[in-house]
Amino acid sequence: MRIQVRRTGGFAGIERHAEVDTSGRADEDEWRALAERAVAAGPGTPPVGVPDGFSYRITVDGTTVYCADPRLTEEQRTLISRVLKEGA
């Protein structure tokens, strides 16, 4: 499974992008479950965010959803954090 996260916005407007390929990882099932829940909760079009807040585009194996602070689900927040931390 390939998971991509793109973060835009914020006070400085700096874009950040990261990607994780879970294929062959020992924790692949954990990533898959988290990604499926995060994608299921996201709309297919970008939501209206708040001034200086972050907006996110999450793509999992070709399926893209959008979300924005402060209205992230716990699964979206966790997935975004993990991908931005561990991804390349």
PDB file of N, CA and C in Angstrom:
ATOM      1  N   MET A   1       0.846  -1.171   0.000  1.00  0.00           N
ATOM      2  CA  MET A   1       0.000   0.000   0.000  1.00  0.00           C
ATOM      3  C   MET A   1       0.895   1.238   0.000  1.00  0.00           C
ATOM      4  N   ARG A   2       0.532   2.177  -0.854  1.00  0.00           N
ATOM      5  CA  ARG A   2       1.280   3.433  -0.942  1.00  0.00           C
ATOM      6  C   ARG A   2       0.416   4.558  -0.374  1.00  0.00           C
ATOM      7  N   ILE A   3       0.941   5.254   0.622  1.00  0.00           N
ATOM      8  CA  ILE A   3       0.215   6.325   1.293  1.00  0.00           C
ATOM      9  C   ILE A   3       0.986   7.621   1.104  1.00  0.00           C
ATOM     10  N   GLN A   4       0.306   8.639   0.579  1.00  0.00           N
ATOM     11  CA  GLN A   4       0.919   9.943   0.372  1.00  0.00           C
ATOM     12  C   GLN A   4       0.129  10.998   1.136  1.00  0.00           C
ATOM     13  N   VAL A   5       0.847  11.935   1.720  1.00  0.00           N
ATOM     14  CA  VAL A   5       0.224  13.058   2.428  1.00  0.00           C
ATOM     15  C   VAL A   5       0.872  14.344   1.928  1.00  0.00           C
ATOM     16  N   ARG A   6       0.025  15.319   1.604  1.00  0.00           N
ATOM     17  CA  ARG A   6       0.498  16.665   1.242  1.00  0.00           C
ATOM     18  C   ARG A   6      -0.176  17.649   2.173  1.00  0.00           C
ATOM     19  N   ARG A   7       0.643  18.425   2.878  1.00  0.00           N
ATOM     20  CA  ARG A   7       0.131  19.435   3.813  1.00  0.00           C
ATOM     21  C   ARG A   7       0.413  20.807   3.238  1.00  0.00           C
ATOM     22  N   THR A   8      -0.598  21.657   3.196  1.00  0.00           N
ATOM     23  CA  THR A   8      -0.436  23.028   2.726  1.00  0.00           C
ATOM     24  C   THR A   8      -1.039  23.977   3.750  1.00  0.00           C
ATOM     25  N   GLY A   9      -0.718  25.247   3.603  1.00  0.00           N
ATOM     26  CA  GLY A   9      -1.295  26.268   4.479  1.00  0.00           C
ATOM     27  C   GLY A   9      -0.409  26.544   5.677  1.00  0.00           C
ATOM     28  N   GLY A  10      -1.041  26.897   6.763  1.00  0.00           N
ATOM     29  CA  GLY A  10      -0.304  27.278   7.952  1.00  0.00           C
ATOM     30  C   GLY A  10       0.118  28.733   7.879  1.00  0.00           C
ATOM     31  N   PHE A  11       0.670  29.225   8.941  1.00  0.00           N
ATOM     32  CA  PHE A  11       1.064  30.637   9.039  1.00  0.00           C
ATOM     33  C   PHE A  11       2.091  31.009   7.975  1.00  0.00           C
ATOM     34  N   ALA A  12       3.081  30.131   7.754  1.00  0.00           N
ATOM     35  CA  ALA A  12       4.143  30.433   6.791  1.00  0.00           C
ATOM     36  C   ALA A  12       3.805  29.964   5.374  1.00  0.00           C
ATOM     37  N   GLY A  13       2.767  29.156   5.219  1.00  0.00           N
ATOM     38  CA  GLY A  13       2.367  28.692   3.899  1.00  0.00           C
ATOM     39  C   GLY A  13       3.331  27.694   3.274  1.00  0.00           C
ATOM     40  N   ILE A  14       4.094  26.990   4.099  1.00  0.00           N
ATOM     41  CA  ILE A  14       5.073  26.030   3.601  1.00  0.00           C
ATOM     42  C   ILE A  14       4.393  24.690   3.325  1.00  0.00           C
ATOM     43  N   GLU A  15       4.615  24.178   2.115  1.00  0.00           N
ATOM     44  CA  GLU A  15       4.040  22.879   1.727  1.00  0.00           C
ATOM     45  C   GLU A  15       4.990  21.766   2.145  1.00  0.00           C
ATOM     46  N   ARG A  16       4.401  20.680   2.623  1.00  0.00           N
ATOM     47  CA  ARG A  16       5.195  19.509   3.007  1.00  0.00           C
ATOM     48  C   ARG A  16       4.551  18.286   2.384  1.00  0.00           C
ATOM     49  N   HIS A  17       5.378  17.359   1.893  1.00  0.00           N
ATOM     50  CA  HIS A  17       4.882  16.152   1.241  1.00  0.00           C
ATOM     51  C   HIS A  17       5.714  14.972   1.717  1.00  0.00           C
ATOM     52  N   ALA A  18       5.042  13.845   1.966  1.00  0.00           N
ATOM     53  CA  ALA A  18       5.746  12.619   2.355  1.00  0.00           C
ATOM     54  C   ALA A  18       4.964  11.423   1.849  1.00  0.00           C
ATOM     55  N   GLU A  19       5.664  10.315   1.726  1.00  0.00           N
ATOM     56  CA  GLU A  19       5.069   9.080   1.209  1.00  0.00           C
ATOM     57  C   GLU A  19       5.647   7.886   1.953  1.00  0.00           C
ATOM     58  N   VAL A  20       4.779   6.902   2.215  1.00  0.00           N
ATOM     59  CA  VAL A  20       5.201   5.657   2.850  1.00  0.00           C
ATOM     60  C   VAL A  20       4.677   4.506   2.005  1.00  0.00           C
ATOM     61  N   ASP A  21       5.549   3.544   1.711  1.00  0.00           N
ATOM     62  CA  ASP A  21       5.144   2.307   1.048  1.00  0.00           C
ATOM     63  C   ASP A  21       5.160   1.225   2.120  1.00  0.00           C
ATOM     64  N   THR A  22       3.995   0.692   2.431  1.00  0.00           N
ATOM     65  CA  THR A  22       3.896  -0.268   3.529  1.00  0.00           C
ATOM     66  C   THR A  22       4.161  -1.706   3.102  1.00  0.00           C
ATOM     67  N   SER A  23       4.361  -1.946   1.820  1.00  0.00           N
ATOM     68  CA  SER A  23       4.577  -3.306   1.321  1.00  0.00           C
ATOM     69  C   SER A  23       5.788  -3.943   1.993  1.00  0.00           C
ATOM     70  N   GLY A  24       5.568  -5.109   2.569  1.00  0.00           N
ATOM     71  CA  GLY A  24       6.651  -5.857   3.179  1.00  0.00           C
ATOM     72  C   GLY A  24       7.022  -5.434   4.587  1.00  0.00           C
ATOM     73  N   ARG A  25       6.379  -4.415   5.099  1.00  0.00           N
ATOM     74  CA  ARG A  25       6.669  -3.978   6.465  1.00  0.00           C
ATOM     75  C   ARG A  25       5.996  -4.904   7.465  1.00  0.00           C
ATOM     76  N   ALA A  26       6.604  -5.064   8.612  1.00  0.00           N
ATOM     77  CA  ALA A  26       6.031  -5.911   9.661  1.00  0.00           C
ATOM     78  C   ALA A  26       4.699  -5.351  10.167  1.00  0.00           C
ATOM     79  N   ASP A  27       4.540  -4.028  10.111  1.00  0.00           N
ATOM     80  CA  ASP A  27       3.325  -3.382  10.607  1.00  0.00           C
ATOM     81  C   ASP A  27       2.367  -3.000   9.470  1.00  0.00           C
ATOM     82  N   GLU A  28       2.474  -3.685   8.340  1.00  0.00           N
ATOM     83  CA  GLU A  28       1.651  -3.363   7.173  1.00  0.00           C
ATOM     84  C   GLU A  28       0.151  -3.417   7.477  1.00  0.00           C
ATOM     85  N   ASP A  29      -0.296  -4.413   8.217  1.00  0.00           N
ATOM     86  CA  ASP A  29      -1.729  -4.538   8.531  1.00  0.00           C
ATOM     87  C   ASP A  29      -2.218  -3.365   9.377  1.00  0.00           C
ATOM     88  N   GLU A  30      -1.388  -2.905  10.280  1.00  0.00           N
ATOM     89  CA  GLU A  30      -1.742  -1.759  11.122  1.00  0.00           C
ATOM     90  C   GLU A  30      -1.893  -0.495  10.266  1.00  0.00           C
ATOM     91  N   TRP A  31      -0.937  -0.279   9.357  1.00  0.00           N
ATOM     92  CA  TRP A  31      -1.009   0.860   8.441  1.00  0.00           C
ATOM     93  C   TRP A  31      -2.270   0.777   7.586  1.00  0.00           C
ATOM     94  N   ARG A  32      -2.561  -0.410   7.049  1.00  0.00           N
ATOM     95  CA  ARG A  32      -3.721  -0.589   6.173  1.00  0.00           C
ATOM     96  C   ARG A  32      -5.018  -0.232   6.903  1.00  0.00           C
ATOM     97  N   ALA A  33      -5.176  -0.738   8.102  1.00  0.00           N
ATOM     98  CA  ALA A  33      -6.391  -0.465   8.879  1.00  0.00           C
ATOM     99  C   ALA A  33      -6.536   1.027   9.163  1.00  0.00           C
ATOM    100  N   LEU A  34      -5.444   1.666   9.556  1.00  0.00           N
ATOM    101  CA  LEU A  34      -5.473   3.097   9.853  1.00  0.00           C
ATOM    102  C   LEU A  34      -5.798   3.905   8.600  1.00  0.00           C
ATOM    103  N   ALA A  35      -5.161   3.568   7.491  1.00  0.00           N
ATOM    104  CA  ALA A  35      -5.385   4.292   6.236  1.00  0.00           C
ATOM    105  C   ALA A  35      -6.825   4.125   5.753  1.00  0.00           C
ATOM    106  N   GLU A  36      -7.364   2.937   5.844  1.00  0.00           N
ATOM    107  CA  GLU A  36      -8.747   2.707   5.407  1.00  0.00           C
ATOM    108  C   GLU A  36      -9.731   3.529   6.223  1.00  0.00           C
ATOM    109  N   ARG A  37      -9.524   3.607   7.537  1.00  0.00           N
ATOM    110  CA  ARG A  37     -10.415   4.408   8.385  1.00  0.00           C
ATOM    111  C   ARG A  37     -10.273   5.896   8.093  1.00  0.00           C
ATOM    112  N   ALA A  38      -9.042   6.352   7.864  1.00  0.00           N
ATOM    113  CA  ALA A  38      -8.802   7.778   7.572  1.00  0.00           C
ATOM    114  C   ALA A  38      -9.434   8.178   6.251  1.00  0.00           C
ATOM    115  N   VAL A  39      -9.312   7.341   5.234  1.00  0.00           N
ATOM    116  CA  VAL A  39      -9.878   7.644   3.919  1.00  0.00           C
ATOM    117  C   VAL A  39     -11.402   7.584   3.956  1.00  0.00           C
ATOM    118  N   ALA A  40     -11.950   6.645   4.692  1.00  0.00           N
ATOM    119  CA  ALA A  40     -13.410   6.498   4.768  1.00  0.00           C
ATOM    120  C   ALA A  40     -14.064   7.750   5.355  1.00  0.00           C
ATOM    121  N   ALA A  41     -13.345   8.477   6.195  1.00  0.00           N
ATOM    122  CA  ALA A  41     -13.913   9.654   6.860  1.00  0.00           C
ATOM    123  C   ALA A  41     -13.692  10.945   6.090  1.00  0.00           C
ATOM    124  N   GLY A  42     -12.986  10.880   4.953  1.00  0.00           N
ATOM    125  CA  GLY A  42     -12.640  12.107   4.246  1.00  0.00           C
ATOM    126  C   GLY A  42     -13.483  12.366   3.021  1.00  0.00           C
ATOM    127  N   PRO A  43     -13.817  13.637   2.755  1.00  0.00           N
ATOM    128  CA  PRO A  43     -14.562  13.980   1.547  1.00  0.00           C
ATOM    129  C   PRO A  43     -13.646  13.969   0.315  1.00  0.00           C
ATOM    130  N   GLY A  44     -14.251  13.854  -0.839  1.00  0.00           N
ATOM    131  CA  GLY A  44     -13.505  13.835  -2.088  1.00  0.00           C
ATOM    132  C   GLY A  44     -13.168  15.212  -2.626  1.00  0.00           C
ATOM    133  N   THR A  45     -13.614  16.251  -1.951  1.00  0.00           N
ATOM    134  CA  THR A  45     -13.296  17.618  -2.366  1.00  0.00           C
ATOM    135  C   THR A  45     -12.714  18.371  -1.169  1.00  0.00           C
ATOM    136  N   PRO A  46     -11.844  19.343  -1.420  1.00  0.00           N
ATOM    137  CA  PRO A  46     -11.221  20.073  -0.314  1.00  0.00           C
ATOM    138  C   PRO A  46     -12.255  20.845   0.508  1.00  0.00           C
ATOM    139  N   PRO A  47     -12.218  20.676   1.837  1.00  0.00           N
ATOM    140  CA  PRO A  47     -13.130  21.436   2.702  1.00  0.00           C
ATOM    141  C   PRO A  47     -12.603  22.844   2.931  1.00  0.00           C
ATOM    142  N   VAL A  48     -13.455  23.693   3.434  1.00  0.00           N
ATOM    143  CA  VAL A  48     -13.042  25.045   3.809  1.00  0.00           C
ATOM    144  C   VAL A  48     -12.329  24.943   5.149  1.00  0.00           C
ATOM    145  N   GLY A  49     -11.128  25.445   5.199  1.00  0.00           N
ATOM    146  CA  GLY A  49     -10.353  25.408   6.431  1.00  0.00           C
ATOM    147  C   GLY A  49     -10.509  26.690   7.223  1.00  0.00           C
ATOM    148  N   VAL A  50      -9.592  26.906   8.121  1.00  0.00           N
ATOM    149  CA  VAL A  50      -9.578  28.116   8.937  1.00  0.00           C
ATOM    150  C   VAL A  50      -8.345  28.928   8.560  1.00  0.00           C
ATOM    151  N   PRO A  51      -8.361  30.239   8.776  1.00  0.00           N
ATOM    152  CA  PRO A  51      -7.188  31.049   8.460  1.00  0.00           C
ATOM    153  C   PRO A  51      -5.939  30.511   9.161  1.00  0.00           C
ATOM    154  N   ASP A  52      -4.856  30.401   8.417  1.00  0.00           N
ATOM    155  CA  ASP A  52      -3.568  29.914   8.909  1.00  0.00           C
ATOM    156  C   ASP A  52      -3.606  28.465   9.387  1.00  0.00           C
ATOM    157  N   GLY A  53      -4.663  27.735   9.054  1.00  0.00           N
ATOM    158  CA  GLY A  53      -4.732  26.319   9.393  1.00  0.00           C
ATOM    159  C   GLY A  53      -4.137  25.474   8.278  1.00  0.00           C
ATOM    160  N   PHE A  54      -3.871  24.226   8.589  1.00  0.00           N
ATOM    161  CA  PHE A  54      -3.334  23.315   7.595  1.00  0.00           C
ATOM    162  C   PHE A  54      -4.464  22.599   6.862  1.00  0.00           C
ATOM    163  N   SER A  55      -4.238  22.355   5.576  1.00  0.00           N
ATOM    164  CA  SER A  55      -5.117  21.531   4.754  1.00  0.00           C
ATOM    165  C   SER A  55      -4.299  20.335   4.289  1.00  0.00           C
ATOM    166  N   TYR A  56      -4.966  19.204   4.141  1.00  0.00           N
ATOM    167  CA  TYR A  56      -4.267  17.963   3.809  1.00  0.00           C
ATOM    168  C   TYR A  56      -4.925  17.264   2.629  1.00  0.00           C
ATOM    169  N   ARG A  57      -4.079  16.628   1.821  1.00  0.00           N
ATOM    170  CA  ARG A  57      -4.547  15.719   0.780  1.00  0.00           C
ATOM    171  C   ARG A  57      -3.922  14.367   1.109  1.00  0.00           C
ATOM    172  N   ILE A  58      -4.765  13.373   1.318  1.00  0.00           N
ATOM    173  CA  ILE A  58      -4.310  12.020   1.635  1.00  0.00           C
ATOM    174  C   ILE A  58      -4.651  11.137   0.448  1.00  0.00           C
ATOM    175  N   THR A  59      -3.651  10.444  -0.093  1.00  0.00           N
ATOM    176  CA  THR A  59      -3.869   9.528  -1.206  1.00  0.00           C
ATOM    177  C   THR A  59      -3.385   8.146  -0.792  1.00  0.00           C
ATOM    178  N   VAL A  60      -4.301   7.188  -0.877  1.00  0.00           N
ATOM    179  CA  VAL A  60      -3.979   5.805  -0.536  1.00  0.00           C
ATOM    180  C   VAL A  60      -4.287   4.944  -1.746  1.00  0.00           C
ATOM    181  N   ASP A  61      -3.239   4.399  -2.350  1.00  0.00           N
ATOM    182  CA  ASP A  61      -3.381   3.546  -3.534  1.00  0.00           C
ATOM    183  C   ASP A  61      -4.303   4.164  -4.583  1.00  0.00           C
ATOM    184  N   GLY A  62      -4.119   5.438  -4.866  1.00  0.00           N
ATOM    185  CA  GLY A  62      -4.873   6.109  -5.927  1.00  0.00           C
ATOM    186  C   GLY A  62      -6.184   6.741  -5.506  1.00  0.00           C
ATOM    187  N   THR A  63      -6.634   6.515  -4.287  1.00  0.00           N
ATOM    188  CA  THR A  63      -7.861   7.137  -3.775  1.00  0.00           C
ATOM    189  C   THR A  63      -7.468   8.356  -2.945  1.00  0.00           C
ATOM    190  N   THR A  64      -8.003   9.517  -3.314  1.00  0.00           N
ATOM    191  CA  THR A  64      -7.632  10.762  -2.653  1.00  0.00           C
ATOM    192  C   THR A  64      -8.811  11.356  -1.897  1.00  0.00           C
ATOM    193  N   VAL A  65      -8.528  11.788  -0.667  1.00  0.00           N
ATOM    194  CA  VAL A  65      -9.500  12.522   0.144  1.00  0.00           C
ATOM    195  C   VAL A  65      -8.803  13.763   0.698  1.00  0.00           C
ATOM    196  N   TYR A  66      -9.616  14.687   1.171  1.00  0.00           N
ATOM    197  CA  TYR A  66      -9.109  15.955   1.682  1.00  0.00           C
ATOM    198  C   TYR A  66      -9.640  16.195   3.086  1.00  0.00           C
ATOM    199  N   CYS A  67      -8.851  16.889   3.893  1.00  0.00           N
ATOM    200  CA  CYS A  67      -9.297  17.266   5.229  1.00  0.00           C
ATOM    201  C   CYS A  67      -8.527  18.509   5.657  1.00  0.00           C
ATOM    202  N   ALA A  68      -8.996  19.157   6.703  1.00  0.00           N
ATOM    203  CA  ALA A  68      -8.363  20.393   7.159  1.00  0.00           C
ATOM    204  C   ALA A  68      -8.502  20.532   8.664  1.00  0.00           C
ATOM    205  N   ASP A  69      -7.506  21.186   9.247  1.00  0.00           N
ATOM    206  CA  ASP A  69      -7.606  21.539  10.663  1.00  0.00           C
ATOM    207  C   ASP A  69      -8.742  22.525  10.831  1.00  0.00           C
ATOM    208  N   PRO A  70      -9.453  22.530  11.878  1.00  0.00           N
ATOM    209  CA  PRO A  70      -9.337  21.671  13.049  1.00  0.00           C
ATOM    210  C   PRO A  70     -10.264  20.456  12.990  1.00  0.00           C
ATOM    211  N   ARG A  71     -10.825  20.162  11.836  1.00  0.00           N
ATOM    212  CA  ARG A  71     -11.821  19.093  11.738  1.00  0.00           C
ATOM    213  C   ARG A  71     -11.235  17.793  11.199  1.00  0.00           C
ATOM    214  N   LEU A  72     -10.177  17.314  11.843  1.00  0.00           N
ATOM    215  CA  LEU A  72      -9.604  16.023  11.480  1.00  0.00           C
ATOM    216  C   LEU A  72     -10.142  14.955  12.408  1.00  0.00           C
ATOM    217  N   THR A  73     -10.380  13.769  11.870  1.00  0.00           N
ATOM    218  CA  THR A  73     -10.720  12.648  12.748  1.00  0.00           C
ATOM    219  C   THR A  73      -9.435  12.190  13.430  1.00  0.00           C
ATOM    220  N   GLU A  74      -9.562  11.435  14.465  1.00  0.00           N
ATOM    221  CA  GLU A  74      -8.380  10.925  15.162  1.00  0.00           C
ATOM    222  C   GLU A  74      -7.537  10.049  14.239  1.00  0.00           C
ATOM    223  N   GLU A  75      -8.207   9.255  13.387  1.00  0.00           N
ATOM    224  CA  GLU A  75      -7.480   8.400  12.445  1.00  0.00           C
ATOM    225  C   GLU A  75      -6.714   9.238  11.423  1.00  0.00           C
ATOM    226  N   GLN A  76      -7.336  10.300  10.913  1.00  0.00           N
ATOM    227  CA  GLN A  76      -6.652  11.172   9.956  1.00  0.00           C
ATOM    228  C   GLN A  76      -5.445  11.835  10.611  1.00  0.00           C
ATOM    229  N   ARG A  77      -5.632  12.345  11.808  1.00  0.00           N
ATOM    230  CA  ARG A  77      -4.544  13.010  12.525  1.00  0.00           C
ATOM    231  C   ARG A  77      -3.370  12.046  12.749  1.00  0.00           C
ATOM    232  N   THR A  78      -3.678  10.827  13.160  1.00  0.00           N
ATOM    233  CA  THR A  78      -2.633   9.829  13.415  1.00  0.00           C
ATOM    234  C   THR A  78      -1.914   9.440  12.127  1.00  0.00           C
ATOM    235  N   LEU A  79      -2.680   9.188  11.065  1.00  0.00           N
ATOM    236  CA  LEU A  79      -2.079   8.800   9.793  1.00  0.00           C
ATOM    237  C   LEU A  79      -1.191   9.922   9.246  1.00  0.00           C
ATOM    238  N   ILE A  80      -1.691  11.142   9.253  1.00  0.00           N
ATOM    239  CA  ILE A  80      -0.921  12.289   8.762  1.00  0.00           C
ATOM    240  C   ILE A  80       0.383  12.417   9.544  1.00  0.00           C
ATOM    241  N   SER A  81       0.300  12.346  10.844  1.00  0.00           N
ATOM    242  CA  SER A  81       1.480  12.471  11.689  1.00  0.00           C
ATOM    243  C   SER A  81       2.506  11.384  11.381  1.00  0.00           C
ATOM    244  N   ARG A  82       2.042  10.151  11.263  1.00  0.00           N
ATOM    245  CA  ARG A  82       2.961   9.036  10.998  1.00  0.00           C
ATOM    246  C   ARG A  82       3.613   9.143   9.627  1.00  0.00           C
ATOM    247  N   VAL A  83       2.835   9.487   8.619  1.00  0.00           N
ATOM    248  CA  VAL A  83       3.397   9.585   7.267  1.00  0.00           C
ATOM    249  C   VAL A  83       4.407  10.728   7.205  1.00  0.00           C
ATOM    250  N   LEU A  84       4.062  11.879   7.759  1.00  0.00           N
ATOM    251  CA  LEU A  84       4.988  13.015   7.711  1.00  0.00           C
ATOM    252  C   LEU A  84       6.259  12.735   8.529  1.00  0.00           C
ATOM    253  N   LYS A  85       6.147  11.925   9.559  1.00  0.00           N
ATOM    254  CA  LYS A  85       7.304  11.593  10.388  1.00  0.00           C
ATOM    255  C   LYS A  85       8.174  10.511   9.755  1.00  0.00           C
ATOM    256  N   GLU A  86       7.553   9.442   9.253  1.00  0.00           N
ATOM    257  CA  GLU A  86       8.302   8.283   8.772  1.00  0.00           C
ATOM    258  C   GLU A  86       8.537   8.279   7.271  1.00  0.00           C
ATOM    259  N   GLY A  87       7.781   9.072   6.533  1.00  0.00           N
ATOM    260  CA  GLY A  87       7.857   9.039   5.083  1.00  0.00           C
ATOM    261  C   GLY A  87       9.041   9.791   4.511  1.00  0.00           C
ATOM    262  N   ALA A  88       9.229   9.532   3.228  1.00  0.00           N
ATOM    263  CA  ALA A  88      10.324  10.208   2.518  1.00  0.00           C
ATOM    264  C   ALA A  88       9.765  11.259   1.599  1.00  0.00           C
TER     265      ALA A  88
END
